[in-house]
Amino acid sequence: MVDYPQMLHTVFDTPNARELAEFYRHLLGLQYRPGDEPPADAAASDDPDWLVLVDDVGARKLAFQRNREMKPPTWPKPDVPMQLHVDFTVPSVEELQRQRARAESLGATILLDRTGDEDEPLYVFADLAGHPFCIFVA
């Protein structure tokens, strides 16, 4: 029997780990790993180096690593490559439009609108740190 490494989570570099974690927590309905929650005292300092988001059963999904030198990708321009992107799917064009509004309300910006594509309508967004991500009908 061959054992393989198992994916734990995907890590995003970002100048502000809490801000980007909050964006994806709200976008995807995730929660913080115990101990990673924001401080209860809103006046307390909160500039973590590392945060993890988990699903409802505690499985790690995304992590955020503070990197003050990170340069946001410039996709589709090649100046700063995107390095990675995450794809999310929805079942219908109506749901795609609903998720567009949600993503924008959380601070995402649209990089590409390909909703006119009959085979695979999609949006490419940039998150708060500039990382591209796609939401499309599958």
N, C-alpha and C. Protein backbone atom coordinates (compact mmCIF):
# COMPACT_ATOMS: atom_id res chain seq x y z
N MET A 1 0.85 -1.18 0.00
CA MET A 1 0.00 0.00 0.00
C MET A 1 0.90 1.25 0.00
N VAL A 2 0.56 2.21 -0.84
CA VAL A 2 1.31 3.45 -0.92
C VAL A 2 0.57 4.53 -0.15
N ASP A 3 1.26 5.20 0.73
CA ASP A 3 0.68 6.34 1.44
C ASP A 3 1.07 7.61 0.70
N TYR A 4 0.14 8.53 0.63
CA TYR A 4 0.38 9.80 -0.05
C TYR A 4 0.22 10.93 0.95
N PRO A 5 0.93 12.02 0.73
CA PRO A 5 0.68 13.20 1.56
C PRO A 5 -0.77 13.65 1.37
N GLN A 6 -1.36 14.19 2.39
CA GLN A 6 -2.72 14.70 2.34
C GLN A 6 -2.69 16.22 2.40
N MET A 7 -3.49 16.86 1.56
CA MET A 7 -3.55 18.32 1.60
C MET A 7 -4.19 18.76 2.92
N LEU A 8 -3.54 19.70 3.57
CA LEU A 8 -4.06 20.23 4.82
C LEU A 8 -4.92 21.47 4.57
N HIS A 9 -4.35 22.45 3.88
CA HIS A 9 -5.07 23.68 3.55
C HIS A 9 -4.26 24.45 2.52
N THR A 10 -4.86 25.47 1.96
CA THR A 10 -4.18 26.37 1.03
C THR A 10 -3.83 27.63 1.82
N VAL A 11 -2.61 28.12 1.63
CA VAL A 11 -2.12 29.28 2.38
C VAL A 11 -1.99 30.48 1.46
N PHE A 12 -2.52 31.60 1.89
CA PHE A 12 -2.39 32.87 1.18
C PHE A 12 -1.40 33.76 1.91
N ASP A 13 -0.42 34.29 1.19
CA ASP A 13 0.38 35.39 1.72
C ASP A 13 -0.45 36.65 1.62
N THR A 14 -0.32 37.53 2.60
CA THR A 14 -1.09 38.76 2.62
C THR A 14 -0.46 39.75 3.58
N PRO A 15 -0.54 41.04 3.27
CA PRO A 15 -0.02 42.02 4.23
C PRO A 15 -0.82 42.06 5.54
N ASN A 16 -2.11 41.65 5.50
CA ASN A 16 -2.97 41.72 6.67
C ASN A 16 -3.75 40.42 6.80
N ALA A 17 -3.25 39.51 7.64
CA ALA A 17 -3.85 38.17 7.77
C ALA A 17 -5.29 38.24 8.26
N ARG A 18 -5.58 39.07 9.25
CA ARG A 18 -6.95 39.13 9.79
C ARG A 18 -7.93 39.63 8.73
N GLU A 19 -7.56 40.67 8.03
CA GLU A 19 -8.47 41.24 7.03
C GLU A 19 -8.81 40.23 5.94
N LEU A 20 -7.81 39.52 5.42
CA LEU A 20 -8.08 38.55 4.36
C LEU A 20 -8.82 37.33 4.90
N ALA A 21 -8.49 36.90 6.11
CA ALA A 21 -9.22 35.78 6.73
C ALA A 21 -10.70 36.13 6.91
N GLU A 22 -10.97 37.36 7.32
CA GLU A 22 -12.36 37.79 7.49
C GLU A 22 -13.10 37.79 6.15
N PHE A 23 -12.42 38.24 5.09
CA PHE A 23 -13.03 38.24 3.77
C PHE A 23 -13.47 36.82 3.39
N TYR A 24 -12.56 35.85 3.48
CA TYR A 24 -12.89 34.48 3.08
C TYR A 24 -13.82 33.80 4.09
N ARG A 25 -13.75 34.17 5.35
CA ARG A 25 -14.67 33.60 6.34
C ARG A 25 -16.10 33.96 5.97
N HIS A 26 -16.32 35.21 5.62
CA HIS A 26 -17.67 35.64 5.24
C HIS A 26 -18.06 35.11 3.86
N LEU A 27 -17.15 35.12 2.90
CA LEU A 27 -17.47 34.66 1.55
C LEU A 27 -17.87 33.19 1.54
N LEU A 28 -17.15 32.36 2.32
CA LEU A 28 -17.33 30.91 2.24
C LEU A 28 -18.04 30.30 3.45
N GLY A 29 -18.42 31.10 4.43
CA GLY A 29 -19.13 30.57 5.59
C GLY A 29 -18.25 29.69 6.47
N LEU A 30 -16.97 30.00 6.56
CA LEU A 30 -16.05 29.22 7.38
C LEU A 30 -15.96 29.84 8.77
N GLN A 31 -15.17 29.21 9.62
CA GLN A 31 -14.97 29.73 10.98
C GLN A 31 -13.49 29.61 11.34
N TYR A 32 -13.11 30.32 12.37
CA TYR A 32 -11.72 30.26 12.81
C TYR A 32 -11.41 28.97 13.55
N ARG A 33 -10.21 28.49 13.37
CA ARG A 33 -9.69 27.40 14.19
C ARG A 33 -9.68 27.92 15.63
N PRO A 34 -10.02 27.07 16.61
CA PRO A 34 -9.99 27.53 18.00
C PRO A 34 -8.66 28.19 18.33
N GLY A 35 -8.76 29.38 18.91
CA GLY A 35 -7.58 30.16 19.27
C GLY A 35 -7.22 31.22 18.26
N ASP A 36 -7.79 31.16 17.05
CA ASP A 36 -7.48 32.14 16.01
C ASP A 36 -8.52 33.25 15.90
N GLU A 37 -9.58 33.19 16.71
CA GLU A 37 -10.64 34.18 16.63
C GLU A 37 -10.09 35.57 16.94
N PRO A 38 -10.79 36.61 16.45
CA PRO A 38 -10.38 37.98 16.80
C PRO A 38 -10.48 38.18 18.31
N PRO A 39 -9.68 39.08 18.87
CA PRO A 39 -9.77 39.33 20.32
C PRO A 39 -11.17 39.83 20.69
N ALA A 40 -11.65 39.42 21.85
CA ALA A 40 -12.96 39.85 22.32
C ALA A 40 -13.00 41.35 22.56
N ASP A 41 -11.88 41.91 22.98
CA ASP A 41 -11.76 43.34 23.22
C ASP A 41 -11.38 44.02 21.91
N ALA A 42 -12.31 44.77 21.34
CA ALA A 42 -12.08 45.41 20.04
C ALA A 42 -10.88 46.36 20.07
N ALA A 43 -10.52 46.86 21.23
CA ALA A 43 -9.39 47.78 21.34
C ALA A 43 -8.05 47.05 21.42
N ALA A 44 -8.10 45.73 21.60
CA ALA A 44 -6.86 44.96 21.72
C ALA A 44 -6.13 44.90 20.38
N SER A 45 -4.83 44.81 20.44
CA SER A 45 -4.02 44.70 19.23
C SER A 45 -4.30 43.37 18.55
N ASP A 46 -4.45 43.39 17.23
CA ASP A 46 -4.73 42.17 16.48
C ASP A 46 -4.00 42.23 15.15
N ASP A 47 -2.76 41.76 15.14
CA ASP A 47 -1.95 41.76 13.92
C ASP A 47 -1.25 40.41 13.83
N PRO A 48 -2.04 39.32 13.66
CA PRO A 48 -1.45 37.98 13.69
C PRO A 48 -0.58 37.68 12.47
N ASP A 49 0.39 36.80 12.69
CA ASP A 49 1.25 36.33 11.60
C ASP A 49 0.59 35.19 10.83
N TRP A 50 -0.33 34.46 11.47
CA TRP A 50 -0.86 33.22 10.89
C TRP A 50 -2.25 32.98 11.43
N LEU A 51 -3.20 32.68 10.54
CA LEU A 51 -4.57 32.34 10.93
C LEU A 51 -5.05 31.19 10.06
N VAL A 52 -5.96 30.37 10.63
CA VAL A 52 -6.51 29.22 9.91
C VAL A 52 -8.03 29.27 9.97
N LEU A 53 -8.66 28.99 8.83
CA LEU A 53 -10.11 28.83 8.77
C LEU A 53 -10.45 27.37 8.56
N VAL A 54 -11.53 26.94 9.21
CA VAL A 54 -11.97 25.55 9.15
C VAL A 54 -13.44 25.50 8.75
N ASP A 55 -13.89 24.30 8.34
CA ASP A 55 -15.30 24.13 8.01
C ASP A 55 -16.08 23.73 9.26
N ASP A 56 -17.34 23.36 9.08
CA ASP A 56 -18.22 23.04 10.22
C ASP A 56 -17.77 21.84 11.03
N VAL A 57 -16.99 20.95 10.43
CA VAL A 57 -16.51 19.77 11.18
C VAL A 57 -15.07 19.94 11.65
N GLY A 58 -14.51 21.14 11.45
CA GLY A 58 -13.16 21.42 11.94
C GLY A 58 -12.04 21.11 10.97
N ALA A 59 -12.38 20.73 9.73
CA ALA A 59 -11.34 20.45 8.73
C ALA A 59 -10.74 21.76 8.25
N ARG A 60 -9.42 21.82 8.22
CA ARG A 60 -8.74 23.02 7.75
C ARG A 60 -9.02 23.24 6.27
N LYS A 61 -9.29 24.49 5.91
CA LYS A 61 -9.58 24.84 4.52
C LYS A 61 -8.59 25.87 3.99
N LEU A 62 -8.44 26.99 4.69
CA LEU A 62 -7.56 28.07 4.23
C LEU A 62 -6.72 28.59 5.40
N ALA A 63 -5.51 29.04 5.08
CA ALA A 63 -4.67 29.68 6.08
C ALA A 63 -4.13 30.99 5.49
N PHE A 64 -3.74 31.89 6.37
CA PHE A 64 -3.31 33.22 5.97
C PHE A 64 -2.03 33.55 6.71
N GLN A 65 -1.00 33.87 5.96
CA GLN A 65 0.32 34.15 6.50
C GLN A 65 0.68 35.60 6.21
N ARG A 66 1.00 36.34 7.27
CA ARG A 66 1.35 37.75 7.07
C ARG A 66 2.68 37.85 6.34
N ASN A 67 2.68 38.65 5.28
CA ASN A 67 3.87 38.92 4.50
C ASN A 67 3.77 40.38 4.06
N ARG A 68 4.41 41.25 4.79
CA ARG A 68 4.30 42.69 4.52
C ARG A 68 4.92 43.09 3.18
N GLU A 69 5.75 42.23 2.61
CA GLU A 69 6.41 42.54 1.34
C GLU A 69 5.66 41.99 0.13
N MET A 70 4.55 41.32 0.36
CA MET A 70 3.79 40.71 -0.74
C MET A 70 3.32 41.77 -1.73
N LYS A 71 3.55 41.50 -2.99
CA LYS A 71 3.07 42.39 -4.04
C LYS A 71 1.83 41.76 -4.66
N PRO A 72 0.72 42.48 -4.72
CA PRO A 72 -0.49 41.91 -5.31
C PRO A 72 -0.28 41.52 -6.77
N PRO A 73 -0.84 40.38 -7.17
CA PRO A 73 -0.77 39.99 -8.58
C PRO A 73 -1.43 41.06 -9.46
N THR A 74 -0.95 41.17 -10.68
CA THR A 74 -1.48 42.16 -11.61
C THR A 74 -2.27 41.51 -12.74
N TRP A 75 -2.70 40.26 -12.57
CA TRP A 75 -3.43 39.53 -13.60
C TRP A 75 -4.57 40.39 -14.12
N PRO A 76 -4.81 40.48 -15.40
CA PRO A 76 -4.23 39.67 -16.48
C PRO A 76 -2.90 40.20 -17.01
N LYS A 77 -2.44 41.33 -16.52
CA LYS A 77 -1.11 41.82 -16.92
C LYS A 77 -0.05 40.92 -16.29
N PRO A 78 1.04 40.64 -16.98
CA PRO A 78 2.03 39.69 -16.49
C PRO A 78 3.08 40.27 -15.53
N ASP A 79 2.97 41.54 -15.16
CA ASP A 79 4.00 42.18 -14.34
C ASP A 79 4.29 41.42 -13.05
N VAL A 80 3.25 41.09 -12.30
CA VAL A 80 3.39 40.28 -11.09
C VAL A 80 2.46 39.08 -11.27
N PRO A 81 3.02 37.87 -11.44
CA PRO A 81 2.18 36.70 -11.71
C PRO A 81 1.19 36.42 -10.57
N MET A 82 0.10 35.73 -10.92
CA MET A 82 -0.90 35.44 -9.90
C MET A 82 -0.44 34.36 -8.93
N GLN A 83 0.50 33.54 -9.27
CA GLN A 83 1.09 32.51 -8.43
C GLN A 83 0.12 31.38 -8.09
N LEU A 84 -1.10 31.67 -7.80
CA LEU A 84 -2.14 30.67 -7.60
C LEU A 84 -3.47 31.37 -7.69
N HIS A 85 -4.51 30.60 -7.91
CA HIS A 85 -5.85 31.14 -7.75
C HIS A 85 -6.76 30.01 -7.30
N VAL A 86 -7.87 30.38 -6.69
CA VAL A 86 -8.82 29.41 -6.16
C VAL A 86 -10.09 29.50 -6.99
N ASP A 87 -10.67 28.35 -7.33
CA ASP A 87 -11.92 28.29 -8.07
C ASP A 87 -13.05 27.85 -7.14
N PHE A 88 -14.17 28.53 -7.24
CA PHE A 88 -15.38 28.17 -6.51
C PHE A 88 -16.50 28.01 -7.53
N THR A 89 -17.39 27.05 -7.30
CA THR A 89 -18.47 26.82 -8.25
C THR A 89 -19.83 27.07 -7.60
N VAL A 90 -20.79 27.39 -8.46
CA VAL A 90 -22.18 27.54 -8.07
C VAL A 90 -23.04 26.80 -9.09
N PRO A 91 -24.28 26.45 -8.74
CA PRO A 91 -25.08 25.61 -9.64
C PRO A 91 -25.82 26.35 -10.75
N SER A 92 -25.94 27.69 -10.68
CA SER A 92 -26.76 28.38 -11.67
C SER A 92 -26.25 29.80 -11.90
N VAL A 93 -26.70 30.40 -13.01
CA VAL A 93 -26.36 31.79 -13.30
C VAL A 93 -26.96 32.71 -12.26
N GLU A 94 -28.15 32.39 -11.79
CA GLU A 94 -28.79 33.21 -10.76
C GLU A 94 -27.94 33.22 -9.49
N GLU A 95 -27.44 32.06 -9.11
CA GLU A 95 -26.58 31.97 -7.92
C GLU A 95 -25.25 32.68 -8.17
N LEU A 96 -24.75 32.61 -9.38
CA LEU A 96 -23.51 33.32 -9.73
C LEU A 96 -23.70 34.83 -9.50
N GLN A 97 -24.83 35.36 -9.92
CA GLN A 97 -25.09 36.79 -9.73
C GLN A 97 -25.22 37.13 -8.25
N ARG A 98 -25.85 36.26 -7.50
CA ARG A 98 -25.99 36.49 -6.04
C ARG A 98 -24.61 36.49 -5.38
N GLN A 99 -23.76 35.55 -5.79
CA GLN A 99 -22.42 35.47 -5.20
C GLN A 99 -21.54 36.63 -5.64
N ARG A 100 -21.77 37.15 -6.84
CA ARG A 100 -21.04 38.35 -7.28
C ARG A 100 -21.33 39.49 -6.32
N ALA A 101 -22.60 39.70 -6.04
CA ALA A 101 -22.99 40.79 -5.14
C ALA A 101 -22.38 40.59 -3.75
N ARG A 102 -22.39 39.36 -3.27
CA ARG A 102 -21.80 39.08 -1.95
C ARG A 102 -20.31 39.37 -1.95
N ALA A 103 -19.61 38.88 -2.98
CA ALA A 103 -18.15 39.08 -3.04
C ALA A 103 -17.82 40.57 -3.10
N GLU A 104 -18.54 41.31 -3.92
CA GLU A 104 -18.28 42.75 -4.02
C GLU A 104 -18.60 43.46 -2.70
N SER A 105 -19.65 43.04 -2.02
CA SER A 105 -20.00 43.68 -0.74
C SER A 105 -18.94 43.43 0.32
N LEU A 106 -18.17 42.36 0.14
CA LEU A 106 -17.07 42.05 1.06
C LEU A 106 -15.76 42.71 0.66
N GLY A 107 -15.75 43.37 -0.49
CA GLY A 107 -14.56 44.10 -0.91
C GLY A 107 -13.84 43.54 -2.12
N ALA A 108 -14.34 42.46 -2.71
CA ALA A 108 -13.71 41.91 -3.91
C ALA A 108 -13.94 42.85 -5.09
N THR A 109 -13.02 42.82 -6.04
CA THR A 109 -13.19 43.59 -7.27
C THR A 109 -13.19 42.63 -8.46
N ILE A 110 -13.96 42.96 -9.47
CA ILE A 110 -14.05 42.10 -10.65
C ILE A 110 -12.88 42.40 -11.57
N LEU A 111 -12.16 41.33 -11.94
CA LEU A 111 -11.08 41.43 -12.91
C LEU A 111 -11.53 41.03 -14.31
N LEU A 112 -12.50 40.11 -14.37
CA LEU A 112 -12.99 39.61 -15.65
C LEU A 112 -14.44 39.18 -15.50
N ASP A 113 -15.28 39.62 -16.41
CA ASP A 113 -16.68 39.21 -16.46
C ASP A 113 -16.85 38.38 -17.72
N ARG A 114 -17.02 37.07 -17.52
CA ARG A 114 -17.25 36.17 -18.66
C ARG A 114 -18.60 35.48 -18.49
N THR A 115 -19.58 36.24 -18.02
CA THR A 115 -20.91 35.67 -17.78
C THR A 115 -21.67 35.41 -19.08
N GLY A 116 -21.19 35.98 -20.19
CA GLY A 116 -21.82 35.72 -21.47
C GLY A 116 -21.42 34.40 -22.10
N ASP A 117 -20.49 33.69 -21.52
CA ASP A 117 -20.03 32.40 -22.04
C ASP A 117 -21.09 31.35 -21.70
N GLU A 118 -21.73 30.79 -22.70
CA GLU A 118 -22.81 29.82 -22.47
C GLU A 118 -22.31 28.53 -21.85
N ASP A 119 -21.07 28.14 -22.14
CA ASP A 119 -20.54 26.88 -21.61
C ASP A 119 -20.08 26.98 -20.16
N GLU A 120 -19.53 28.13 -19.78
CA GLU A 120 -19.00 28.27 -18.43
C GLU A 120 -19.01 29.74 -18.01
N PRO A 121 -20.19 30.27 -17.64
CA PRO A 121 -20.24 31.65 -17.18
C PRO A 121 -19.41 31.81 -15.90
N LEU A 122 -18.61 32.88 -15.84
CA LEU A 122 -17.77 33.06 -14.66
C LEU A 122 -17.38 34.50 -14.45
N TYR A 123 -16.97 34.77 -13.21
CA TYR A 123 -16.31 36.01 -12.83
C TYR A 123 -14.95 35.65 -12.28
N VAL A 124 -13.96 36.48 -12.61
CA VAL A 124 -12.67 36.43 -11.93
C VAL A 124 -12.62 37.67 -11.06
N PHE A 125 -12.38 37.47 -9.78
CA PHE A 125 -12.31 38.56 -8.81
C PHE A 125 -10.89 38.67 -8.28
N ALA A 126 -10.59 39.80 -7.65
CA ALA A 126 -9.40 39.94 -6.81
C ALA A 126 -9.89 40.08 -5.38
N ASP A 127 -9.26 39.34 -4.46
CA ASP A 127 -9.61 39.49 -3.05
C ASP A 127 -8.95 40.75 -2.50
N LEU A 128 -9.02 40.96 -1.21
CA LEU A 128 -8.52 42.19 -0.61
C LEU A 128 -7.02 42.36 -0.74
N ALA A 129 -6.28 41.25 -0.89
CA ALA A 129 -4.82 41.32 -1.06
C ALA A 129 -4.42 41.24 -2.53
N GLY A 130 -5.41 41.15 -3.43
CA GLY A 130 -5.13 41.12 -4.86
C GLY A 130 -5.08 39.73 -5.47
N HIS A 131 -5.25 38.67 -4.66
CA HIS A 131 -5.22 37.31 -5.19
C HIS A 131 -6.45 37.07 -6.07
N PRO A 132 -6.26 36.61 -7.31
CA PRO A 132 -7.41 36.29 -8.15
C PRO A 132 -8.13 35.03 -7.65
N PHE A 133 -9.44 35.04 -7.77
CA PHE A 133 -10.24 33.82 -7.54
C PHE A 133 -11.43 33.87 -8.48
N CYS A 134 -11.91 32.68 -8.84
CA CYS A 134 -13.01 32.57 -9.79
C CYS A 134 -14.25 32.00 -9.11
N ILE A 135 -15.39 32.49 -9.52
CA ILE A 135 -16.66 31.85 -9.19
C ILE A 135 -17.34 31.61 -10.54
N PHE A 136 -17.71 30.34 -10.76
CA PHE A 136 -18.32 30.01 -12.05
C PHE A 136 -19.38 28.94 -11.90
N VAL A 137 -20.23 28.85 -12.94
CA VAL A 137 -21.30 27.85 -12.96
C VAL A 137 -20.70 26.53 -13.47
N ALA A 138 -20.89 25.49 -12.68
CA ALA A 138 -20.37 24.16 -13.07
C ALA A 138 -21.51 23.17 -13.10
